[in-house]
Structures are given as C-alpha cells and as structure tokens.
C-alpha atoms as a PDB file:
ATOM      1  CA  MET A   1       3.480  -8.684  30.715  1.00  0.00           C
ATOM      2  CA  HIS A   2       7.318  -8.968  31.400  1.00  0.00           C
ATOM      3  CA  GLY A   3       7.851 -11.457  28.652  1.00  0.00           C
ATOM      4  CA  ALA A   4       5.771  -9.984  26.087  1.00  0.00           C
ATOM      5  CA  ALA A   5       8.310  -6.328  26.972  1.00  0.00           C
ATOM      6  CA  ARG A   6      11.318  -8.043  26.613  1.00  0.00           C
ATOM      7  CA  GLU A   7      10.854  -9.932  23.821  1.00  0.00           C
ATOM      8  CA  ALA A   8       9.709  -6.311  22.182  1.00  0.00           C
ATOM      9  CA  LEU A   9      12.895  -4.812  22.479  1.00  0.00           C
ATOM     10  CA  LEU A  10      15.048  -7.944  21.629  1.00  0.00           C
ATOM     11  CA  ILE A  11      13.117  -7.307  18.119  1.00  0.00           C
ATOM     12  CA  GLU A  12      14.135  -3.685  18.716  1.00  0.00           C
ATOM     13  CA  SER A  13      17.445  -4.381  19.094  1.00  0.00           C
ATOM     14  CA  HIS A  14      17.716  -6.993  16.233  1.00  0.00           C
ATOM     15  CA  LEU A  15      15.563  -4.692  13.927  1.00  0.00           C
ATOM     16  CA  HIS A  16      19.015  -2.451  14.319  1.00  0.00           C
ATOM     17  CA  ARG A  17      20.625  -4.673  13.168  1.00  0.00           C
ATOM     18  CA  ALA A  18      18.618  -6.026   9.909  1.00  0.00           C
ATOM     19  CA  LEU A  19      18.267  -2.215   8.743  1.00  0.00           C
ATOM     20  CA  ALA A  20      22.295  -1.934   8.656  1.00  0.00           C
ATOM     21  CA  GLY A  21      22.656  -5.884   7.687  1.00  0.00           C
ATOM     22  CA  ASN A  22      20.605  -5.753   4.559  1.00  0.00           C
ATOM     23  CA  GLU A  23      17.905  -8.532   5.937  1.00  0.00           C
ATOM     24  CA  LEU A  24      14.345  -6.109   5.307  1.00  0.00           C
ATOM     25  CA  VAL A  25      13.627  -7.110   1.489  1.00  0.00           C
ATOM     26  CA  LEU A  26      10.349  -5.830  -0.160  1.00  0.00           C
ATOM     27  CA  HIS A  27       7.501  -8.140  -1.842  1.00  0.00           C
ATOM     28  CA  TYR A  28       5.393  -6.754  -5.074  1.00  0.00           C
ATOM     29  CA  GLN A  29       1.890  -7.844  -4.855  1.00  0.00           C
ATOM     30  CA  PRO A  30       0.434  -6.811  -8.477  1.00  0.00           C
ATOM     31  CA  GLN A  31      -3.052  -4.262  -8.307  1.00  0.00           C
ATOM     32  CA  VAL A  32      -5.125  -4.662 -11.532  1.00  0.00           C
ATOM     33  CA  ASP A  33      -7.677  -3.354 -13.618  1.00  0.00           C
ATOM     34  CA  ALA A  34     -11.166  -4.725 -12.839  1.00  0.00           C
ATOM     35  CA  LEU A  35     -12.074  -5.832 -15.665  1.00  0.00           C
ATOM     36  CA  SER A  36      -9.739  -6.666 -17.944  1.00  0.00           C
ATOM     37  CA  GLY A  37      -7.869  -7.790 -14.850  1.00  0.00           C
ATOM     38  CA  ARG A  38      -4.600  -5.722 -16.643  1.00  0.00           C
ATOM     39  CA  ILE A  39      -1.284  -4.681 -14.318  1.00  0.00           C
ATOM     40  CA  ILE A  40      -1.566  -1.240 -13.138  1.00  0.00           C
ATOM     41  CA  GLY A  41      -0.147  -0.881 -10.159  1.00  0.00           C
ATOM     42  CA  ALA A  42       1.770  -3.003  -7.455  1.00  0.00           C
ATOM     43  CA  GLU A  43       1.752  -2.165  -3.555  1.00  0.00           C
ATOM     44  CA  ALA A  44       4.944  -3.205  -1.877  1.00  0.00           C
ATOM     45  CA  LEU A  45       4.780  -4.706   2.009  1.00  0.00           C
ATOM     46  CA  ILE A  46       7.891  -5.091   3.437  1.00  0.00           C
ATOM     47  CA  ARG A  47       9.681  -8.341   4.660  1.00  0.00           C
ATOM     48  CA  TRP A  48      12.369  -9.716   7.659  1.00  0.00           C
ATOM     49  CA  HIS A  49      13.901 -12.498   6.943  1.00  0.00           C
ATOM     50  CA  HIS A  50      16.348 -12.654  10.080  1.00  0.00           C
ATOM     51  CA  PRO A  51      19.259 -15.298   9.917  1.00  0.00           C
ATOM     52  CA  GLU A  52      18.135 -16.978  12.663  1.00  0.00           C
ATOM     53  CA  TRP A  53      14.204 -16.332  13.048  1.00  0.00           C
ATOM     54  CA  GLY A  54      13.730 -16.986   9.596  1.00  0.00           C
ATOM     55  CA  LEU A  55      10.905 -14.921   8.179  1.00  0.00           C
ATOM     56  CA  VAL A  56       9.454 -12.246  10.389  1.00  0.00           C
ATOM     57  CA  PRO A  57       5.709 -11.415  10.160  1.00  0.00           C
ATOM     58  CA  PRO A  58       5.127  -7.559   9.414  1.00  0.00           C
ATOM     59  CA  PHE A  59       2.908  -7.564  12.711  1.00  0.00           C
ATOM     60  CA  ARG A  60       5.263  -9.084  14.944  1.00  0.00           C
ATOM     61  CA  PHE A  61       8.012  -6.727  14.409  1.00  0.00           C
ATOM     62  CA  ILE A  62       6.175  -3.631  12.337  1.00  0.00           C
ATOM     63  CA  PRO A  63       3.953  -2.197  16.365  1.00  0.00           C
ATOM     64  CA  ILE A  64       7.528  -2.141  18.399  1.00  0.00           C
ATOM     65  CA  ALA A  65       9.011  -0.163  15.322  1.00  0.00           C
ATOM     66  CA  GLU A  66       6.409   2.401  15.775  1.00  0.00           C
ATOM     67  CA  LYS A  67       6.313   2.353  19.246  1.00  0.00           C
ATOM     68  CA  SER A  68      10.242   2.919  19.388  1.00  0.00           C
ATOM     69  CA  GLY A  69      10.170   5.767  16.680  1.00  0.00           C
ATOM     70  CA  LEU A  70      12.127   3.088  14.124  1.00  0.00           C
ATOM     71  CA  ILE A  71       9.172   2.975  12.016  1.00  0.00           C
ATOM     72  CA  ALA A  72      10.770   6.391  10.165  1.00  0.00           C
ATOM     73  CA  GLU A  73      13.861   4.950   9.426  1.00  0.00           C
ATOM     74  CA  VAL A  74      12.021   0.850   8.451  1.00  0.00           C
ATOM     75  CA  GLY A  75       9.985   3.482   6.386  1.00  0.00           C
ATOM     76  CA  GLU A  76      12.694   5.709   4.600  1.00  0.00           C
ATOM     77  CA  TRP A  77      14.413   2.479   3.707  1.00  0.00           C
ATOM     78  CA  VAL A  78      10.623   1.213   2.185  1.00  0.00           C
ATOM     79  CA  LEU A  79      11.246   4.276   0.294  1.00  0.00           C
ATOM     80  CA  ASN A  80      14.301   4.417  -1.577  1.00  0.00           C
ATOM     81  CA  THR A  81      14.595   0.596  -2.160  1.00  0.00           C
ATOM     82  CA  ALA A  82      11.014   0.736  -3.661  1.00  0.00           C
ATOM     83  CA  VAL A  83      12.024   3.741  -6.047  1.00  0.00           C
ATOM     84  CA  ARG A  84      14.822   2.392  -6.839  1.00  0.00           C
ATOM     85  CA  GLN A  85      13.451  -0.880  -7.691  1.00  0.00           C
ATOM     86  CA  GLN A  86      11.488   1.052 -10.363  1.00  0.00           C
ATOM     87  CA  ALA A  87      14.287   2.834 -11.431  1.00  0.00           C
ATOM     88  CA  ASP A  88      16.206  -0.913 -12.777  1.00  0.00           C
ATOM     89  CA  TRP A  89      13.309  -1.810 -14.076  1.00  0.00           C
ATOM     90  CA  ALA A  90      12.577   0.802 -16.260  1.00  0.00           C
ATOM     91  CA  ALA A  91      16.757   0.315 -17.232  1.00  0.00           C
ATOM     92  CA  ALA A  92      16.065  -2.947 -18.128  1.00  0.00           C
ATOM     93  CA  GLY A  93      13.396  -1.902 -20.592  1.00  0.00           C
ATOM     94  CA  LEU A  94      10.052  -3.241 -18.605  1.00  0.00           C
ATOM     95  CA  ASP A  95       6.878  -1.056 -19.174  1.00  0.00           C
ATOM     96  CA  ILE A  96       6.248  -0.477 -15.394  1.00  0.00           C
ATOM     97  CA  VAL A  97       3.842   0.336 -13.097  1.00  0.00           C
ATOM     98  CA  PRO A  98       3.201   2.885  -9.570  1.00  0.00           C
ATOM     99  CA  VAL A  99       3.805   0.787  -6.399  1.00  0.00           C
ATOM    100  CA  ALA A 100       2.021   1.868  -3.814  1.00  0.00           C
ATOM    101  CA  ILE A 101       3.959   2.062  -0.372  1.00  0.00           C
ATOM    102  CA  ASN A 102       2.337   2.996   3.075  1.00  0.00           C
ATOM    103  CA  LEU A 103       3.069   5.804   5.701  1.00  0.00           C
ATOM    104  CA  SER A 104       3.133   5.546   8.873  1.00  0.00           C
ATOM    105  CA  ALA A 105       1.421   8.711  11.317  1.00  0.00           C
ATOM    106  CA  LEU A 106       4.939   9.031  12.587  1.00  0.00           C
ATOM    107  CA  GLU A 107       6.424   9.579   9.044  1.00  0.00           C
ATOM    108  CA  PHE A 108       2.885  11.112   7.545  1.00  0.00           C
ATOM    109  CA  ARG A 109       3.301  13.580  10.617  1.00  0.00           C
ATOM    110  CA  ARG A 110       6.828  15.007   9.985  1.00  0.00           C
ATOM    111  CA  ASP A 111       7.785  18.167   8.610  1.00  0.00           C
ATOM    112  CA  THR A 112      10.771  16.497   6.112  1.00  0.00           C
ATOM    113  CA  LEU A 113       8.231  14.144   4.770  1.00  0.00           C
ATOM    114  CA  CYS A 114       8.185  16.106   1.455  1.00  0.00           C
ATOM    115  CA  SER A 115      11.822  16.863   1.064  1.00  0.00           C
ATOM    116  CA  THR A 116      12.204  12.649   1.778  1.00  0.00           C
ATOM    117  CA  VAL A 117      10.315  12.293  -1.236  1.00  0.00           C
ATOM    118  CA  GLN A 118      11.475  13.889  -3.127  1.00  0.00           C
ATOM    119  CA  ALA A 119      15.037  13.593  -2.571  1.00  0.00           C
ATOM    120  CA  ALA A 120      14.187   9.741  -3.436  1.00  0.00           C
ATOM    121  CA  LEU A 121      12.993  10.798  -6.369  1.00  0.00           C
ATOM    122  CA  ALA A 122      15.770  12.829  -7.813  1.00  0.00           C
ATOM    123  CA  ALA A 123      18.267  10.105  -6.604  1.00  0.00           C
ATOM    124  CA  SER A 124      16.197   6.940  -8.712  1.00  0.00           C
ATOM    125  CA  GLY A 125      15.450   9.358 -11.629  1.00  0.00           C
ATOM    126  CA  LEU A 126      12.091   7.621 -10.601  1.00  0.00           C
ATOM    127  CA  PRO A 127       8.840   9.847 -12.495  1.00  0.00           C
ATOM    128  CA  PRO A 128       6.745  11.084  -9.114  1.00  0.00           C
ATOM    129  CA  ALA A 129       3.372   9.064 -11.190  1.00  0.00           C
ATOM    130  CA  MET A 130       5.012   5.742 -10.224  1.00  0.00           C
ATOM    131  CA  LEU A 131       5.484   6.624  -6.626  1.00  0.00           C
ATOM    132  CA  GLU A 132       1.838   5.807  -4.760  1.00  0.00           C
ATOM    133  CA  LEU A 133       1.630   6.958  -0.784  1.00  0.00           C
ATOM    134  CA  GLU A 134      -0.640   5.382   1.279  1.00  0.00           C
ATOM    135  CA  LEU A 135      -2.162   6.841   4.532  1.00  0.00           C
ATOM    136  CA  THR A 136      -4.904   4.976   6.630  1.00  0.00           C
ATOM    137  CA  GLU A 137      -7.961   6.742   6.772  1.00  0.00           C
ATOM    138  CA  THR A 138      -7.366   6.869  10.858  1.00  0.00           C
ATOM    139  CA  VAL A 139      -3.954   9.084   9.840  1.00  0.00           C
ATOM    140  CA  ALA A 140      -5.887  11.019   7.823  1.00  0.00           C
ATOM    141  CA  MET A 141      -8.580  12.598   9.927  1.00  0.00           C
ATOM    142  CA  GLU A 142      -6.272  13.685  12.994  1.00  0.00           C
ATOM    143  CA  ASP A 143      -4.493  17.269  13.167  1.00  0.00           C
ATOM    144  CA  THR A 144      -6.754  17.617   9.498  1.00  0.00           C
ATOM    145  CA  GLU A 145      -5.726  20.784   8.652  1.00  0.00           C
ATOM    146  CA  PHE A 146      -2.488  19.871   8.928  1.00  0.00           C
ATOM    147  CA  THR A 147      -3.112  16.814   6.652  1.00  0.00           C
ATOM    148  CA  VAL A 148      -4.970  18.990   4.190  1.00  0.00           C
ATOM    149  CA  THR A 149      -1.308  20.701   4.111  1.00  0.00           C
ATOM    150  CA  GLN A 150       0.866  17.783   3.672  1.00  0.00           C
ATOM    151  CA  ILE A 151      -1.859  15.934   1.376  1.00  0.00           C
ATOM    152  CA  GLN A 152      -1.220  19.702  -0.972  1.00  0.00           C
ATOM    153  CA  ALA A 153       2.229  19.968  -0.413  1.00  0.00           C
ATOM    154  CA  LEU A 154       2.916  15.687  -1.432  1.00  0.00           C
ATOM    155  CA  HIS A 155       0.344  16.090  -4.093  1.00  0.00           C
ATOM    156  CA  ALA A 156       2.205  19.297  -5.493  1.00  0.00           C
ATOM    157  CA  LEU A 157       5.911  16.424  -5.847  1.00  0.00           C
ATOM    158  CA  GLY A 158       3.356  14.801  -8.167  1.00  0.00           C
ATOM    159  CA  VAL A 159       3.025  11.184  -7.033  1.00  0.00           C
ATOM    160  CA  LYS A 160      -0.148   9.400  -6.446  1.00  0.00           C
ATOM    161  CA  LEU A 161      -1.745   9.724  -2.699  1.00  0.00           C
ATOM    162  CA  SER A 162      -4.658   6.769  -1.704  1.00  0.00           C
ATOM    163  CA  ILE A 163      -6.146   6.543   2.062  1.00  0.00           C
ATOM    164  CA  ASP A 164      -5.977   2.972   2.830  1.00  0.00           C
ATOM    165  CA  ASP A 165      -8.120   0.666   5.318  1.00  0.00           C
ATOM    166  CA  PHE A 166     -11.611   3.072   4.346  1.00  0.00           C
ATOM    167  CA  GLY A 167     -14.411   2.265   6.270  1.00  0.00           C
ATOM    168  CA  THR A 168     -12.239   1.556   9.169  1.00  0.00           C
ATOM    169  CA  GLY A 169     -12.091   4.662  11.492  1.00  0.00           C
ATOM    170  CA  TYR A 170     -14.053   8.032  11.731  1.00  0.00           C
ATOM    171  CA  SER A 171     -14.165   9.846   8.344  1.00  0.00           C
ATOM    172  CA  SER A 172     -15.031  13.427   8.670  1.00  0.00           C
ATOM    173  CA  LEU A 173     -16.565  13.985   4.614  1.00  0.00           C
ATOM    174  CA  SER A 174     -16.194  17.618   5.337  1.00  0.00           C
ATOM    175  CA  TYR A 175     -12.365  17.170   4.683  1.00  0.00           C
ATOM    176  CA  LEU A 176     -12.135  14.632   2.208  1.00  0.00           C
ATOM    177  CA  LYS A 177     -13.825  16.716   0.115  1.00  0.00           C
ATOM    178  CA  ARG A 178     -10.555  19.062   0.465  1.00  0.00           C
ATOM    179  CA  TYR A 179      -8.118  16.176  -0.166  1.00  0.00           C
ATOM    180  CA  GLN A 180      -6.561  16.137  -3.292  1.00  0.00           C
ATOM    181  CA  ILE A 181      -5.958  12.612  -3.233  1.00  0.00           C
ATOM    182  CA  ASP A 182      -6.133   9.604  -6.079  1.00  0.00           C
ATOM    183  CA  LYS A 183      -7.487   6.336  -3.842  1.00  0.00           C
ATOM    184  CA  LEU A 184      -9.875   5.326  -1.855  1.00  0.00           C
ATOM    185  CA  LYS A 185      -8.559   1.502  -0.774  1.00  0.00           C
ATOM    186  CA  ILE A 186     -11.966   0.038   0.839  1.00  0.00           C
ATOM    187  CA  ASP A 187     -10.801  -1.619   3.868  1.00  0.00           C
ATOM    188  CA  GLN A 188     -10.126  -6.190   3.487  1.00  0.00           C
ATOM    189  CA  SER A 189     -12.554  -6.601   6.183  1.00  0.00           C
ATOM    190  CA  PHE A 190     -15.747  -5.347   3.742  1.00  0.00           C
ATOM    191  CA  ILE A 191     -14.538  -7.527   1.201  1.00  0.00           C
ATOM    192  CA  ARG A 192     -14.532 -10.718   3.376  1.00  0.00           C
ATOM    193  CA  ASP A 193     -18.098 -11.172   3.452  1.00  0.00           C
ATOM    194  CA  ILE A 194     -19.234  -9.427   1.129  1.00  0.00           C
ATOM    195  CA  ASP A 195     -21.054 -12.880   0.097  1.00  0.00           C
ATOM    196  CA  ASN A 196     -23.260 -13.285   2.922  1.00  0.00           C
ATOM    197  CA  ASP A 197     -23.534  -9.683   4.638  1.00  0.00           C
ATOM    198  CA  VAL A 198     -25.526  -7.065   3.359  1.00  0.00           C
ATOM    199  CA  SER A 199     -23.820  -4.634   5.458  1.00  0.00           C
ATOM    200  CA  ASP A 200     -20.902  -5.309   4.271  1.00  0.00           C
ATOM    201  CA  GLY A 201     -22.570  -4.813   0.531  1.00  0.00           C
ATOM    202  CA  ALA A 202     -24.025  -1.848   1.512  1.00  0.00           C
ATOM    203  CA  ILE A 203     -20.771  -0.421   2.892  1.00  0.00           C
ATOM    204  CA  VAL A 204     -18.867  -1.250  -0.561  1.00  0.00           C
ATOM    205  CA  ARG A 205     -21.382   0.292  -2.279  1.00  0.00           C
ATOM    206  CA  THR A 206     -21.461   3.297  -0.826  1.00  0.00           C
ATOM    207  CA  VAL A 207     -17.478   3.630  -0.601  1.00  0.00           C
ATOM    208  CA  ILE A 208     -17.875   3.035  -4.529  1.00  0.00           C
ATOM    209  CA  SER A 209     -20.647   5.572  -5.119  1.00  0.00           C
ATOM    210  CA  LEU A 210     -18.448   8.047  -2.510  1.00  0.00           C
ATOM    211  CA  ALA A 211     -15.717   7.934  -4.089  1.00  0.00           C
ATOM    212  CA  HIS A 212     -16.402   8.713  -8.013  1.00  0.00           C
ATOM    213  CA  GLY A 213     -18.515  11.310  -6.673  1.00  0.00           C
ATOM    214  CA  LEU A 214     -15.924  12.745  -5.281  1.00  0.00           C
ATOM    215  CA  GLY A 215     -13.754  12.238  -8.532  1.00  0.00           C
ATOM    216  CA  PHE A 216     -12.069   9.433  -6.450  1.00  0.00           C
ATOM    217  CA  LYS A 217     -11.178   5.748  -7.594  1.00  0.00           C
ATOM    218  CA  THR A 218     -11.825   3.561  -5.668  1.00  0.00           C
ATOM    219  CA  ILE A 219      -9.247  -0.497  -5.264  1.00  0.00           C
ATOM    220  CA  ALA A 220     -10.573  -3.378  -3.047  1.00  0.00           C
ATOM    221  CA  GLU A 221      -7.851  -4.806  -1.344  1.00  0.00           C
ATOM    222  CA  GLY A 222      -8.512  -8.536  -0.181  1.00  0.00           C
ATOM    223  CA  VAL A 223     -10.334  -9.783  -3.208  1.00  0.00           C
ATOM    224  CA  GLU A 224      -9.869 -13.515  -3.382  1.00  0.00           C
ATOM    225  CA  THR A 225     -12.577 -15.080  -5.065  1.00  0.00           C
ATOM    226  CA  ALA A 226     -14.815 -14.546  -8.262  1.00  0.00           C
ATOM    227  CA  SER A 227     -18.002 -14.012  -6.566  1.00  0.00           C
ATOM    228  CA  GLN A 228     -15.800 -11.200  -4.797  1.00  0.00           C
ATOM    229  CA  LEU A 229     -14.904 -10.215  -8.152  1.00  0.00           C
ATOM    230  CA  ALA A 230     -18.214 -10.227  -9.635  1.00  0.00           C
ATOM    231  CA  PHE A 231     -19.523  -7.988  -7.106  1.00  0.00           C
ATOM    232  CA  LEU A 232     -17.260  -5.516  -7.382  1.00  0.00           C
ATOM    233  CA  ARG A 233     -17.243  -5.201 -11.392  1.00  0.00           C
ATOM    234  CA  ARG A 234     -21.274  -4.950 -10.654  1.00  0.00           C
ATOM    235  CA  TYR A 235     -21.092  -1.640  -8.627  1.00  0.00           C
ATOM    236  CA  ARG A 236     -18.132  -0.512 -10.787  1.00  0.00           C
ATOM    237  CA  CYS A 237     -15.236  -0.517  -8.454  1.00  0.00           C
ATOM    238  CA  ASP A 238     -11.794   0.297 -10.055  1.00  0.00           C
ATOM    239  CA  GLU A 239      -9.009  -2.227  -9.020  1.00  0.00           C
ATOM    240  CA  ILE A 240      -9.014  -5.031  -7.193  1.00  0.00           C
ATOM    241  CA  GLN A 241      -5.655  -6.487  -5.166  1.00  0.00           C
ATOM    242  CA  GLY A 242      -5.762  -9.908  -3.042  1.00  0.00           C
ATOM    243  CA  TYR A 243      -5.228 -13.853  -3.800  1.00  0.00           C
ATOM    244  CA  TYR A 244      -7.564 -14.223  -6.475  1.00  0.00           C
ATOM    245  CA  PHE A 245      -4.895 -12.485  -9.122  1.00  0.00           C
ATOM    246  CA  SER A 246      -1.719 -13.160  -7.024  1.00  0.00           C
ATOM    247  CA  ARG A 247       0.102 -13.126  -3.485  1.00  0.00           C
ATOM    248  CA  PRO A 248       2.581 -10.802  -2.383  1.00  0.00           C
ATOM    249  CA  ILE A 249       5.914 -11.790  -4.668  1.00  0.00           C
ATOM    250  CA  VAL A 250       9.428 -11.324  -4.674  1.00  0.00           C
ATOM    251  CA  ALA A 251      11.078  -8.698  -7.077  1.00  0.00           C
ATOM    252  CA  GLU A 252      12.366 -10.702  -9.920  1.00  0.00           C
ATOM    253  CA  ALA A 253       8.387 -12.693 -10.315  1.00  0.00           C
ATOM    254  CA  PHE A 254       7.202  -9.273 -10.160  1.00  0.00           C
ATOM    255  CA  ALA A 255       9.777  -7.831 -13.078  1.00  0.00           C
ATOM    256  CA  ASP A 256       8.846 -11.333 -14.347  1.00  0.00           C
ATOM    257  CA  LEU A 257       5.260 -10.494 -14.391  1.00  0.00           C
ATOM    258  CA  LEU A 258       5.263  -6.864 -16.114  1.00  0.00           C
ATOM    259  CA  ARG A 259       7.993  -8.730 -18.392  1.00  0.00           C
ATOM    260  CA  ASN A 260       6.301 -11.688 -20.106  1.00  0.00           C
ATOM    261  CA  GLY A 261       2.272 -10.587 -20.076  1.00  0.00           C
ATOM    262  CA  THR A 262       0.545  -7.632 -17.915  1.00  0.00           C
ATOM    263  CA  VAL A 263      -2.339  -9.806 -17.855  1.00  0.00           C
ATOM    264  CA  LEU A 264      -3.878 -12.085 -14.431  1.00  0.00           C
ATOM    265  CA  THR A 265      -6.703 -13.878 -15.105  1.00  0.00           C
ATOM    266  CA  GLY A 266      -7.105 -15.276 -11.604  1.00  0.00           C
ATOM    267  CA  THR A 267      -7.586 -18.205  -9.546  1.00  0.00           C
ATOM    268  CA  GLU A 268      -9.427 -20.121 -11.923  1.00  0.00           C
ATOM    269  CA  ALA A 269      -6.515 -19.534 -14.700  1.00  0.00           C
ATOM    270  CA  GLY A 270      -3.789 -20.571 -12.075  1.00  0.00           C
ATOM    271  CA  ALA A 271      -2.766 -16.855 -10.470  1.00  0.00           C
ATOM    272  CA  THR A 272       1.072 -17.142  -9.401  1.00  0.00           C
END
C-alpha cells in the first residue's frame, strides 16, 4: 500500500509536468456506420508519452488524475486539443466528422462545464455538432435532477451527447426518457462474448431496442470479429467502434483516412 501511494504521488507530480510540457497526445479511433463501414465519427483517446517511462497507459494515470482533481485540467486539455484539431482538419479541406470525448464525473458536475465547452468551440470556430460529449452511465444516474439540467444546457449548445458504458451501471428508465441525448454506447463487456453467451446477446438486443424506442442511436464498442459485427447488423445496431475496423491511431493517420477515403472494410480486407 505504501509503494502504491508513493507511485501515485510520483505519477501525479509528473502529470503536472506533462500538462505543461506537451507530453500528452490524442489518438483517434474511427466510428463507422454498421452497414456501410463509412466513417461517421471518432473517439479521442488520451495517451501520455513520458520522456523516461515511455508510453504510460491511461489506466495508470487517469484514476490518479481523478483522485487528485487534476482530471479537470486533463479534461480541458482534451477538449481544447480535440476541437482545435478538427478545426485544423476542416481548414485543410478535409470532410470532418464528429469527435467524441469522455467527461469525468468531476468535469460533468462543474457549474462551468457549459461555458468551458462554449469557449472552446468559439475559440476554434468548430460547429457544435462536430463535438460529442460522452458521460458514463454511472455519472448519468447520480444526482439525476442536476444531470437532467446539465444535459439540457449542453444540448442547447448544439453538441451531441451520449451515455458511455451503457448496461454496466444502474439505470433509471424514468430519467433516461428525460435525457436529451443522441446515443447509447453498448459496453464492450457485452460484445466480447456475444457469440457464446446467451445473456450477453439478450442484453445487447434489449439495449438496441430500448434505444431505438426512445429515439436514440446505438454504438457498440470493442467489436473485433466478423461474427460480432454480423450479430450487431442483424439486430440493427447503428454504429461500430473497435479493432475490427481500426485501432486508435495518431491524428495524422486519421487525417489520411478522411483524405483518402472514409469507408473501412474491416480486418478481413486489411483494417488499419
């Protein structure tokens, strides 16, 4: 326990430097239309290139950033970097797509969230519809009256909204129907064994049906095989994200995808 606490303090200290020293970078994982394979979005995922430790995986530093409160600064960096990158792509003549970023619980609960998002969009000139904010199901179900109000305010800005990791927490359907969101993201834990686990298959079918009934789209994350894709197509999942089509890639590589063709055919035809 002492060793773990010491490591956490060390990572926190170095993370302060990382924010100021351009050690953080965003990778982009394409999100594709389930039927056509056309790129219709991306998720921006943070990476840390430490000068001594090498690539530090998010699971090592994000929980520490959340516990220390640094996650607010990290989240603001992600927001500003993502919208600036999209604005640069648009200025270069690329046909940009919405990019999703994750909101931590701390970020979502801040009274200044809407003004921060609005300021980032205004500074970059990016249309609000080109930004998607993801909040986890757990966050969405906490302090629900505040959540409804916060979601309404973000929706009024014109940004897209989705609930991430859907199915892993406790959902109140009475509140879910009040949320002005665009998409439910089916957690990869249900996709992983969708071919072999009857329960996982039933949950995925139910989430898709529920979402469509409420007017939401669905996106499945963690799709890695042709059989998983076939199942999701059969039950009319709208969008796909996962290694079957592409791993998270650097900004330059994602720009090449937008520049050279926005349809991905999957691993059998040589995915990125």
